[in-house]
C-alpha atoms as a PDB file:
ATOM      1  CA  UNK A   1     -13.533  10.408  -8.415  1.00  0.00           C
ATOM      2  CA  UNK A   2     -15.303  13.743  -8.433  1.00  0.00           C
ATOM      3  CA  UNK A   3     -16.556  13.171  -4.926  1.00  0.00           C
ATOM      4  CA  UNK A   4     -12.958  13.027  -3.672  1.00  0.00           C
ATOM      5  CA  UNK A   5     -12.053  16.306  -5.347  1.00  0.00           C
ATOM      6  CA  UNK A   6     -15.015  18.179  -3.812  1.00  0.00           C
ATOM      7  CA  UNK A   7     -13.952  18.081  -0.207  1.00  0.00           C
ATOM      8  CA  UNK A   8     -10.816  18.409   1.929  1.00  0.00           C
ATOM      9  CA  UNK A   9     -10.204  17.478   5.535  1.00  0.00           C
ATOM     10  CA  UNK A  10     -10.107  20.409   7.971  1.00  0.00           C
ATOM     11  CA  UNK A  11      -6.640  21.921   7.936  1.00  0.00           C
ATOM     12  CA  UNK A  12      -5.628  20.082   4.766  1.00  0.00           C
ATOM     13  CA  UNK A  13      -3.927  22.114   2.056  1.00  0.00           C
ATOM     14  CA  UNK A  14      -5.510  21.938  -1.422  1.00  0.00           C
ATOM     15  CA  UNK A  15      -2.556  20.060  -2.903  1.00  0.00           C
ATOM     16  CA  UNK A  16      -2.101  17.559  -0.044  1.00  0.00           C
ATOM     17  CA  UNK A  17      -4.496  14.962  -1.437  1.00  0.00           C
ATOM     18  CA  UNK A  18      -3.146  15.201  -4.959  1.00  0.00           C
ATOM     19  CA  UNK A  19       0.429  14.885  -3.609  1.00  0.00           C
ATOM     20  CA  UNK A  20      -0.502  11.737  -1.692  1.00  0.00           C
ATOM     21  CA  UNK A  21      -2.383  10.399  -4.716  1.00  0.00           C
ATOM     22  CA  UNK A  22       0.684  11.036  -6.888  1.00  0.00           C
ATOM     23  CA  UNK A  23       3.039   9.459  -4.312  1.00  0.00           C
ATOM     24  CA  UNK A  24       0.828   6.371  -4.220  1.00  0.00           C
ATOM     25  CA  UNK A  25       0.828   6.004  -7.988  1.00  0.00           C
ATOM     26  CA  UNK A  26       4.571   6.706  -8.209  1.00  0.00           C
ATOM     27  CA  UNK A  27       5.400   4.105  -5.546  1.00  0.00           C
ATOM     28  CA  UNK A  28       3.259   1.541  -7.428  1.00  0.00           C
ATOM     29  CA  UNK A  29       4.981   2.398 -10.713  1.00  0.00           C
ATOM     30  CA  UNK A  30       8.414   2.121  -9.065  1.00  0.00           C
ATOM     31  CA  UNK A  31       7.593  -1.413  -7.963  1.00  0.00           C
ATOM     32  CA  UNK A  32       6.424  -2.391 -11.432  1.00  0.00           C
ATOM     33  CA  UNK A  33       9.628  -1.003 -12.924  1.00  0.00           C
ATOM     34  CA  UNK A  34      11.731  -2.834 -10.338  1.00  0.00           C
ATOM     35  CA  UNK A  35       9.964  -6.120 -11.128  1.00  0.00           C
ATOM     36  CA  UNK A  36      10.566  -5.682 -14.866  1.00  0.00           C
ATOM     37  CA  UNK A  37      14.196  -4.598 -14.453  1.00  0.00           C
ATOM     38  CA  UNK A  38      14.809  -7.463 -12.018  1.00  0.00           C
ATOM     39  CA  UNK A  39      13.321  -9.905 -14.504  1.00  0.00           C
ATOM     40  CA  UNK A  40      15.945  -8.915 -17.052  1.00  0.00           C
ATOM     41  CA  UNK A  41      18.795  -9.233 -14.547  1.00  0.00           C
ATOM     42  CA  UNK A  42      17.913 -12.470 -12.749  1.00  0.00           C
ATOM     43  CA  UNK A  43      18.708 -16.046 -13.755  1.00  0.00           C
ATOM     44  CA  UNK A  44      16.014 -18.448 -15.013  1.00  0.00           C
ATOM     45  CA  UNK A  45      15.505 -19.903 -11.507  1.00  0.00           C
ATOM     46  CA  UNK A  46      15.031 -17.439  -8.633  1.00  0.00           C
ATOM     47  CA  UNK A  47      14.448 -17.676  -4.907  1.00  0.00           C
ATOM     48  CA  UNK A  48      10.954 -16.461  -4.056  1.00  0.00           C
ATOM     49  CA  UNK A  49      10.891 -17.187  -0.335  1.00  0.00           C
ATOM     50  CA  UNK A  50      13.464 -17.228   2.414  1.00  0.00           C
ATOM     51  CA  UNK A  51      13.202 -19.229   5.616  1.00  0.00           C
ATOM     52  CA  UNK A  52      14.729 -18.857   9.056  1.00  0.00           C
ATOM     53  CA  UNK A  53      18.380 -17.920   8.809  1.00  0.00           C
ATOM     54  CA  UNK A  54      17.839 -16.263   5.435  1.00  0.00           C
ATOM     55  CA  UNK A  55      18.249 -19.428   3.396  1.00  0.00           C
ATOM     56  CA  UNK A  56      16.160 -19.675   0.231  1.00  0.00           C
ATOM     57  CA  UNK A  57      13.516 -22.324   0.717  1.00  0.00           C
ATOM     58  CA  UNK A  58      11.261 -21.862  -2.308  1.00  0.00           C
ATOM     59  CA  UNK A  59      12.172 -21.353  -5.924  1.00  0.00           C
ATOM     60  CA  UNK A  60      10.332 -20.467  -9.142  1.00  0.00           C
ATOM     61  CA  UNK A  61      11.112 -19.611 -12.727  1.00  0.00           C
ATOM     62  CA  UNK A  62      11.960 -16.011 -13.461  1.00  0.00           C
ATOM     63  CA  UNK A  63       8.822 -15.698 -15.565  1.00  0.00           C
ATOM     64  CA  UNK A  64       6.542 -17.121 -12.862  1.00  0.00           C
ATOM     65  CA  UNK A  65       8.078 -14.859 -10.252  1.00  0.00           C
ATOM     66  CA  UNK A  66       7.742 -11.815 -12.502  1.00  0.00           C
ATOM     67  CA  UNK A  67       4.112 -12.516 -13.332  1.00  0.00           C
ATOM     68  CA  UNK A  68       3.266 -13.251  -9.694  1.00  0.00           C
ATOM     69  CA  UNK A  69       4.835  -9.996  -8.480  1.00  0.00           C
ATOM     70  CA  UNK A  70       3.183  -7.936 -11.223  1.00  0.00           C
ATOM     71  CA  UNK A  71      -0.148  -9.507 -10.231  1.00  0.00           C
ATOM     72  CA  UNK A  72       0.358  -8.952  -6.512  1.00  0.00           C
ATOM     73  CA  UNK A  73       1.361  -5.304  -6.969  1.00  0.00           C
ATOM     74  CA  UNK A  74      -1.573  -4.662  -9.305  1.00  0.00           C
ATOM     75  CA  UNK A  75      -4.048  -6.344  -6.952  1.00  0.00           C
ATOM     76  CA  UNK A  76      -2.805  -4.330  -3.976  1.00  0.00           C
ATOM     77  CA  UNK A  77      -2.915  -1.124  -6.009  1.00  0.00           C
ATOM     78  CA  UNK A  78      -6.477  -1.700  -7.240  1.00  0.00           C
ATOM     79  CA  UNK A  79      -7.676  -2.720  -3.765  1.00  0.00           C
ATOM     80  CA  UNK A  80      -6.335   0.414  -2.111  1.00  0.00           C
ATOM     81  CA  UNK A  81      -7.080   2.786  -4.972  1.00  0.00           C
ATOM     82  CA  UNK A  82     -10.680   1.777  -5.531  1.00  0.00           C
ATOM     83  CA  UNK A  83     -11.750   0.926  -1.951  1.00  0.00           C
ATOM     84  CA  UNK A  84     -12.882   4.523  -1.199  1.00  0.00           C
ATOM     85  CA  UNK A  85     -15.372   4.235  -4.060  1.00  0.00           C
ATOM     86  CA  UNK A  86     -17.138   1.557  -2.013  1.00  0.00           C
ATOM     87  CA  UNK A  87     -18.273   4.302   0.368  1.00  0.00           C
ATOM     88  CA  UNK A  88     -20.385   5.716  -2.448  1.00  0.00           C
ATOM     89  CA  UNK A  89     -21.642   2.479  -4.040  1.00  0.00           C
ATOM     90  CA  UNK A  90     -22.126  -0.075  -1.252  1.00  0.00           C
ATOM     91  CA  UNK A  91     -25.153   0.134   1.062  1.00  0.00           C
ATOM     92  CA  UNK A  92     -24.226   1.775   4.386  1.00  0.00           C
ATOM     93  CA  UNK A  93     -25.178  -1.289   6.418  1.00  0.00           C
ATOM     94  CA  UNK A  94     -22.352  -3.245   4.772  1.00  0.00           C
ATOM     95  CA  UNK A  95     -19.669  -0.635   5.482  1.00  0.00           C
ATOM     96  CA  UNK A  96     -17.598  -0.987   8.619  1.00  0.00           C
ATOM     97  CA  UNK A  97     -16.381   2.483   9.475  1.00  0.00           C
ATOM     98  CA  UNK A  98     -16.032   4.179  12.853  1.00  0.00           C
ATOM     99  CA  UNK A  99     -19.104   6.363  13.455  1.00  0.00           C
ATOM    100  CA  UNK A 100     -20.520   5.240  10.122  1.00  0.00           C
ATOM    101  CA  UNK A 101     -23.997   6.683  10.794  1.00  0.00           C
ATOM    102  CA  UNK A 102     -22.433  10.137  11.023  1.00  0.00           C
ATOM    103  CA  UNK A 103     -19.929   9.762   8.173  1.00  0.00           C
ATOM    104  CA  UNK A 104     -22.234   8.106   5.684  1.00  0.00           C
ATOM    105  CA  UNK A 105     -24.973  10.734   5.939  1.00  0.00           C
ATOM    106  CA  UNK A 106     -25.347  12.558   2.611  1.00  0.00           C
ATOM    107  CA  UNK A 107     -23.926  15.813   4.024  1.00  0.00           C
ATOM    108  CA  UNK A 108     -20.765  14.073   5.371  1.00  0.00           C
ATOM    109  CA  UNK A 109     -20.186  11.357   2.771  1.00  0.00           C
ATOM    110  CA  UNK A 110     -17.965  13.445   0.491  1.00  0.00           C
ATOM    111  CA  UNK A 111     -15.643  14.242   3.404  1.00  0.00           C
ATOM    112  CA  UNK A 112     -15.635  10.581   4.424  1.00  0.00           C
ATOM    113  CA  UNK A 113     -14.612   9.524   0.916  1.00  0.00           C
ATOM    114  CA  UNK A 114     -11.903  12.182   0.865  1.00  0.00           C
ATOM    115  CA  UNK A 115     -10.525  11.172   4.266  1.00  0.00           C
ATOM    116  CA  UNK A 116     -10.643   7.473   3.466  1.00  0.00           C
ATOM    117  CA  UNK A 117      -8.966   8.014   0.093  1.00  0.00           C
ATOM    118  CA  UNK A 118      -6.176  10.008   1.656  1.00  0.00           C
ATOM    119  CA  UNK A 119      -5.557   7.332   4.275  1.00  0.00           C
ATOM    120  CA  UNK A 120      -5.670   4.469   1.761  1.00  0.00           C
ATOM    121  CA  UNK A 121      -3.179   6.280  -0.431  1.00  0.00           C
ATOM    122  CA  UNK A 122      -0.922   6.962   2.551  1.00  0.00           C
ATOM    123  CA  UNK A 123      -0.958   3.338   3.548  1.00  0.00           C
ATOM    124  CA  UNK A 124      -0.489   2.216  -0.033  1.00  0.00           C
ATOM    125  CA  UNK A 125       2.553   4.425  -0.423  1.00  0.00           C
ATOM    126  CA  UNK A 126       4.113   3.020   2.744  1.00  0.00           C
ATOM    127  CA  UNK A 127       3.286  -0.546   1.701  1.00  0.00           C
ATOM    128  CA  UNK A 128       4.752  -0.070  -1.762  1.00  0.00           C
ATOM    129  CA  UNK A 129       7.882   1.488  -0.242  1.00  0.00           C
ATOM    130  CA  UNK A 130       8.263  -1.587   1.967  1.00  0.00           C
ATOM    131  CA  UNK A 131       7.643  -3.890  -0.995  1.00  0.00           C
ATOM    132  CA  UNK A 132      10.178  -1.912  -3.062  1.00  0.00           C
ATOM    133  CA  UNK A 133      12.818  -2.397  -0.388  1.00  0.00           C
ATOM    134  CA  UNK A 134      11.981  -6.107  -0.154  1.00  0.00           C
ATOM    135  CA  UNK A 135      12.221  -6.317  -3.952  1.00  0.00           C
ATOM    136  CA  UNK A 136      15.649  -4.673  -3.958  1.00  0.00           C
ATOM    137  CA  UNK A 137      16.799  -7.006  -1.213  1.00  0.00           C
ATOM    138  CA  UNK A 138      15.464 -10.025  -3.110  1.00  0.00           C
ATOM    139  CA  UNK A 139      17.178  -8.874  -6.310  1.00  0.00           C
ATOM    140  CA  UNK A 140      20.491  -8.406  -4.506  1.00  0.00           C
ATOM    141  CA  UNK A 141      20.258 -11.788  -2.811  1.00  0.00           C
ATOM    142  CA  UNK A 142      19.270 -13.635  -6.005  1.00  0.00           C
ATOM    143  CA  UNK A 143      22.357 -12.243  -7.684  1.00  0.00           C
ATOM    144  CA  UNK A 144      24.654 -13.425  -4.877  1.00  0.00           C
ATOM    145  CA  UNK A 145      26.146 -16.871  -4.282  1.00  0.00           C
ATOM    146  CA  UNK A 146      24.890 -18.410  -2.077  1.00  0.00           C
ATOM    147  CA  UNK A 147      21.386 -16.950  -2.239  1.00  0.00           C
ATOM    148  CA  UNK A 148      20.709 -15.782   1.303  1.00  0.00           C
ATOM    149  CA  UNK A 149      18.458 -12.992   2.553  1.00  0.00           C
ATOM    150  CA  UNK A 150      19.980 -10.356   4.817  1.00  0.00           C
ATOM    151  CA  UNK A 151      17.565 -10.916   7.691  1.00  0.00           C
ATOM    152  CA  UNK A 152      18.870  -7.955   9.690  1.00  0.00           C
ATOM    153  CA  UNK A 153      18.016  -5.463   6.929  1.00  0.00           C
ATOM    154  CA  UNK A 154      14.672  -7.125   6.224  1.00  0.00           C
ATOM    155  CA  UNK A 155      13.791  -7.175   9.925  1.00  0.00           C
ATOM    156  CA  UNK A 156      14.587  -3.469  10.317  1.00  0.00           C
ATOM    157  CA  UNK A 157      12.385  -2.604   7.347  1.00  0.00           C
ATOM    158  CA  UNK A 158       9.602  -4.832   8.636  1.00  0.00           C
ATOM    159  CA  UNK A 159       9.684  -3.277  12.119  1.00  0.00           C
ATOM    160  CA  UNK A 160       9.557   0.228  10.588  1.00  0.00           C
ATOM    161  CA  UNK A 161       6.630  -0.777   8.399  1.00  0.00           C
ATOM    162  CA  UNK A 162       4.749  -2.373  11.314  1.00  0.00           C
ATOM    163  CA  UNK A 163       5.346   0.694  13.483  1.00  0.00           C
ATOM    164  CA  UNK A 164       3.999   2.881  10.666  1.00  0.00           C
ATOM    165  CA  UNK A 165       0.986   0.570  10.290  1.00  0.00           C
ATOM    166  CA  UNK A 166       0.210   1.027  14.002  1.00  0.00           C
ATOM    167  CA  UNK A 167       0.478   4.824  13.650  1.00  0.00           C
ATOM    168  CA  UNK A 168      -1.646   4.752  10.481  1.00  0.00           C
ATOM    169  CA  UNK A 169      -4.377   2.659  12.147  1.00  0.00           C
ATOM    170  CA  UNK A 170      -4.625   5.078  15.062  1.00  0.00           C
ATOM    171  CA  UNK A 171      -4.655   8.067  12.674  1.00  0.00           C
ATOM    172  CA  UNK A 172      -7.442   6.446  10.619  1.00  0.00           C
ATOM    173  CA  UNK A 173      -9.543   5.828  13.716  1.00  0.00           C
ATOM    174  CA  UNK A 174      -8.999   9.397  14.904  1.00  0.00           C
ATOM    175  CA  UNK A 175      -9.856  10.769  11.456  1.00  0.00           C
ATOM    176  CA  UNK A 176     -13.281   9.153  11.661  1.00  0.00           C
ATOM    177  CA  UNK A 177     -14.236  10.420  15.077  1.00  0.00           C
ATOM    178  CA  UNK A 178     -17.376  12.519  15.082  1.00  0.00           C
ATOM    179  CA  UNK A 179     -16.496  16.140  14.420  1.00  0.00           C
ATOM    180  CA  UNK A 180     -17.979  18.782  16.724  1.00  0.00           C
ATOM    181  CA  UNK A 181     -20.645  21.000  15.194  1.00  0.00           C
ATOM    182  CA  UNK A 182     -19.349  24.378  14.113  1.00  0.00           C
END
């Protein structure tokens, strides 16, 4: 994405975007590795969903679970990685972005793509970190007898992720306010 490399947000260091890009890719790769390692460690039948009280309430074969998780992680990665490109390829009228008239003008579009990319990669990194933790928890629980999710740990991780999502949403909206003319 040459357009992304051409522009930085005000106050952003030159390496900040590449660091976030790398963190996003690394967090995705860590999840793929965890899925593959888990596949080799888990029995043929694994719990794939846990109900109230942490009891397993849905089961699948190890292969089905592995393929589903690889697919989910890949779909999430592609959605977040390539969504900024839509700002350059989709007609402006179909893009829902705060202050879109301002940000999608030719002179501001590169900065919009850069800002949107950075935010998507930030969110993706946080999401993959949450998914990694959930994957570790699921691995641990599938190796225990009885198979039961530690709801307390999962709930703490979920609350942290939801709090981050709230912060991220506000930061995204603020990033797309109209900048004063300099």
